[in-house]
Amino acid sequence: MEETVYIEELKSLAPAEGEEALSQVLALADEAVRAWPDSSKLWCMRGDLIQLGAEDIPHDLADALASYERAIAIDPTCIEAYEEIGHFYDAIMDDAESAKPFFQQAAELKNERSA
């Protein structure tokens, strides 16, 4: 399956209602990053789905953070990944100080793109 097809399919299925449905969408995200390991967009989507997941999914919150970090390793200009790491630290870890540099990096990248 093409990368864009995975992205569109994940968008159409997420957020899924119910734990079982979310597990199926997350399985598709896992398949997508195996097929397209250099897609920062797919890694970000995977991280988002993990954060949405119930406790019984086969991933923990550290996997969400690792997904965003992988997206940045692939594309150091991936604004979405920096923002999501910022949200992760701020909302999930309740650590606004650790979130700040990621939000700042995202803002700098946005300014560079709009210049």
C-alpha atoms as a PDB file:
ATOM      1  CA  MET A   1       0.000   0.000   0.000  1.00  0.00           C
ATOM      2  CA  GLU A   2       1.275   3.500  -0.773  1.00  0.00           C
ATOM      3  CA  GLU A   3       2.183   5.889   2.041  1.00  0.00           C
ATOM      4  CA  THR A   4      -0.608   8.318   1.113  1.00  0.00           C
ATOM      5  CA  VAL A   5      -3.141   5.492   1.148  1.00  0.00           C
ATOM      6  CA  TYR A   6      -2.097   4.537   4.685  1.00  0.00           C
ATOM      7  CA  ILE A   7      -2.361   8.180   5.773  1.00  0.00           C
ATOM      8  CA  GLU A   8      -5.838   8.589   4.303  1.00  0.00           C
ATOM      9  CA  GLU A   9      -7.031   5.264   5.716  1.00  0.00           C
ATOM     10  CA  LEU A  10      -5.752   6.119   9.194  1.00  0.00           C
ATOM     11  CA  LYS A  11      -7.427   9.542   8.987  1.00  0.00           C
ATOM     12  CA  SER A  12     -10.723   7.948   7.985  1.00  0.00           C
ATOM     13  CA  LEU A  13     -10.615   5.365  10.788  1.00  0.00           C
ATOM     14  CA  ALA A  14      -9.320   7.493  13.660  1.00  0.00           C
ATOM     15  CA  PRO A  15     -10.364   8.248  16.231  1.00  0.00           C
ATOM     16  CA  ALA A  16     -12.142   4.956  16.422  1.00  0.00           C
ATOM     17  CA  GLU A  17     -14.931   4.292  18.856  1.00  0.00           C
ATOM     18  CA  GLY A  18     -14.252   1.611  21.404  1.00  0.00           C
ATOM     19  CA  GLU A  19     -11.115  -0.174  22.475  1.00  0.00           C
ATOM     20  CA  GLU A  20     -11.306  -2.968  19.909  1.00  0.00           C
ATOM     21  CA  ALA A  21     -11.703  -0.562  17.017  1.00  0.00           C
ATOM     22  CA  LEU A  22      -8.785   1.574  18.236  1.00  0.00           C
ATOM     23  CA  SER A  23      -6.608  -1.523  18.519  1.00  0.00           C
ATOM     24  CA  GLN A  24      -7.381  -2.301  14.878  1.00  0.00           C
ATOM     25  CA  VAL A  25      -6.468   1.231  13.784  1.00  0.00           C
ATOM     26  CA  LEU A  26      -3.270   1.063  15.800  1.00  0.00           C
ATOM     27  CA  ALA A  27      -2.422  -2.262  14.164  1.00  0.00           C
ATOM     28  CA  LEU A  28      -2.809  -0.513  10.797  1.00  0.00           C
ATOM     29  CA  ALA A  29      -0.497   2.283  12.001  1.00  0.00           C
ATOM     30  CA  ASP A  30       2.088  -0.310  13.052  1.00  0.00           C
ATOM     31  CA  GLU A  31       1.806  -1.933   9.616  1.00  0.00           C
ATOM     32  CA  ALA A  32       2.163   1.480   7.974  1.00  0.00           C
ATOM     33  CA  VAL A  33       5.412   2.370   9.768  1.00  0.00           C
ATOM     34  CA  ARG A  34       6.830  -1.049   8.928  1.00  0.00           C
ATOM     35  CA  ALA A  35       5.994  -0.468   5.268  1.00  0.00           C
ATOM     36  CA  TRP A  36       7.101   3.206   5.291  1.00  0.00           C
ATOM     37  CA  PRO A  37       9.696   3.504   8.082  1.00  0.00           C
ATOM     38  CA  ASP A  38      10.909   6.869   6.760  1.00  0.00           C
ATOM     39  CA  SER A  39       7.513   8.589   6.928  1.00  0.00           C
ATOM     40  CA  SER A  40       7.505  11.206   9.664  1.00  0.00           C
ATOM     41  CA  LYS A  41       3.762  11.701   9.132  1.00  0.00           C
ATOM     42  CA  LEU A  42       2.993   8.021   9.771  1.00  0.00           C
ATOM     43  CA  TRP A  43       5.166   7.999  12.905  1.00  0.00           C
ATOM     44  CA  CYS A  44       3.291  11.045  14.217  1.00  0.00           C
ATOM     45  CA  MET A  45      -0.058   9.418  13.497  1.00  0.00           C
ATOM     46  CA  ARG A  46       1.078   6.272  15.296  1.00  0.00           C
ATOM     47  CA  GLY A  47       2.096   8.337  18.329  1.00  0.00           C
ATOM     48  CA  ASP A  48      -1.287  10.069  18.362  1.00  0.00           C
ATOM     49  CA  LEU A  49      -3.122   6.751  18.251  1.00  0.00           C
ATOM     50  CA  ILE A  50      -1.056   5.329  21.099  1.00  0.00           C
ATOM     51  CA  GLN A  51      -1.905   8.360  23.241  1.00  0.00           C
ATOM     52  CA  LEU A  52      -5.604   7.857  22.476  1.00  0.00           C
ATOM     53  CA  GLY A  53      -5.405   4.181  23.320  1.00  0.00           C
ATOM     54  CA  ALA A  54      -6.863   2.414  26.252  1.00  0.00           C
ATOM     55  CA  GLU A  55      -4.658   0.694  28.802  1.00  0.00           C
ATOM     56  CA  ASP A  56      -5.109  -2.673  27.113  1.00  0.00           C
ATOM     57  CA  ILE A  57      -3.436  -1.779  23.809  1.00  0.00           C
ATOM     58  CA  PRO A  58      -0.048  -3.431  23.227  1.00  0.00           C
ATOM     59  CA  HIS A  59       1.810  -0.087  23.515  1.00  0.00           C
ATOM     60  CA  ASP A  60       2.554   2.225  26.400  1.00  0.00           C
ATOM     61  CA  LEU A  61       2.941   5.989  26.471  1.00  0.00           C
ATOM     62  CA  ALA A  62       6.709   5.707  26.034  1.00  0.00           C
ATOM     63  CA  ASP A  63       5.957   4.239  22.587  1.00  0.00           C
ATOM     64  CA  ALA A  64       4.056   7.403  21.681  1.00  0.00           C
ATOM     65  CA  LEU A  65       7.023   9.572  22.648  1.00  0.00           C
ATOM     66  CA  ALA A  66       9.385   7.257  20.757  1.00  0.00           C
ATOM     67  CA  SER A  67       7.181   7.584  17.671  1.00  0.00           C
ATOM     68  CA  TYR A  68       7.439  11.381  17.739  1.00  0.00           C
ATOM     69  CA  GLU A  69      11.182  11.185  18.337  1.00  0.00           C
ATOM     70  CA  ARG A  70      11.490   8.850  15.349  1.00  0.00           C
ATOM     71  CA  ALA A  71       9.580  11.365  13.225  1.00  0.00           C
ATOM     72  CA  ILE A  72      12.086  14.073  14.191  1.00  0.00           C
ATOM     73  CA  ALA A  73      15.023  11.767  13.461  1.00  0.00           C
ATOM     74  CA  ILE A  74      13.589  11.261   9.977  1.00  0.00           C
ATOM     75  CA  ASP A  75      12.687  14.918   9.440  1.00  0.00           C
ATOM     76  CA  PRO A  76      14.241  17.437  11.834  1.00  0.00           C
ATOM     77  CA  THR A  77      11.833  20.065  10.452  1.00  0.00           C
ATOM     78  CA  CYS A  78       8.686  18.091  11.333  1.00  0.00           C
ATOM     79  CA  ILE A  79       6.673  20.747  13.162  1.00  0.00           C
ATOM     80  CA  GLU A  80       3.932  18.293  14.086  1.00  0.00           C
ATOM     81  CA  ALA A  81       6.368  16.007  15.920  1.00  0.00           C
ATOM     82  CA  TYR A  82       7.799  18.875  17.986  1.00  0.00           C
ATOM     83  CA  GLU A  83       4.295  20.052  18.875  1.00  0.00           C
ATOM     84  CA  GLU A  84       3.179  16.560  19.825  1.00  0.00           C
ATOM     85  CA  ILE A  85       6.204  16.034  22.070  1.00  0.00           C
ATOM     86  CA  GLY A  86       5.390  19.371  23.689  1.00  0.00           C
ATOM     87  CA  HIS A  87       1.792  18.267  24.263  1.00  0.00           C
ATOM     88  CA  PHE A  88       3.012  14.907  25.529  1.00  0.00           C
ATOM     89  CA  TYR A  89       5.197  16.499  28.193  1.00  0.00           C
ATOM     90  CA  ASP A  90       2.656  19.179  29.051  1.00  0.00           C
ATOM     91  CA  ALA A  91      -0.584  17.185  29.138  1.00  0.00           C
ATOM     92  CA  ILE A  92       0.462  13.576  29.666  1.00  0.00           C
ATOM     93  CA  MET A  93       3.521  13.994  31.881  1.00  0.00           C
ATOM     94  CA  ASP A  94       2.330  17.266  33.508  1.00  0.00           C
ATOM     95  CA  ASP A  95       5.777  18.747  32.893  1.00  0.00           C
ATOM     96  CA  ALA A  96       5.401  22.178  31.305  1.00  0.00           C
ATOM     97  CA  GLU A  97       9.127  22.943  31.660  1.00  0.00           C
ATOM     98  CA  SER A  98      10.127  19.949  29.542  1.00  0.00           C
ATOM     99  CA  ALA A  99       7.461  20.879  26.994  1.00  0.00           C
ATOM    100  CA  LYS A 100       8.731  24.430  26.409  1.00  0.00           C
ATOM    101  CA  PRO A 101      11.738  23.697  24.162  1.00  0.00           C
ATOM    102  CA  PHE A 102       9.607  21.541  21.887  1.00  0.00           C
ATOM    103  CA  PHE A 103       6.916  24.195  21.530  1.00  0.00           C
ATOM    104  CA  GLN A 104       9.652  26.779  20.925  1.00  0.00           C
ATOM    105  CA  GLN A 105      11.252  24.643  18.220  1.00  0.00           C
ATOM    106  CA  ALA A 106       7.878  24.173  16.535  1.00  0.00           C
ATOM    107  CA  ALA A 107       7.270  27.931  16.611  1.00  0.00           C
ATOM    108  CA  GLU A 108      10.721  28.639  15.145  1.00  0.00           C
ATOM    109  CA  LEU A 109      10.120  26.171  12.323  1.00  0.00           C
ATOM    110  CA  LYS A 110       6.743  27.750  11.594  1.00  0.00           C
ATOM    111  CA  ASN A 111       8.352  31.201  11.445  1.00  0.00           C
ATOM    112  CA  GLU A 112      11.051  29.923   9.077  1.00  0.00           C
ATOM    113  CA  ARG A 113       8.435  28.429   6.761  1.00  0.00           C
ATOM    114  CA  SER A 114       6.347  31.584   6.683  1.00  0.00           C
ATOM    115  CA  ALA A 115       9.342  33.857   6.043  1.00  0.00           C
END
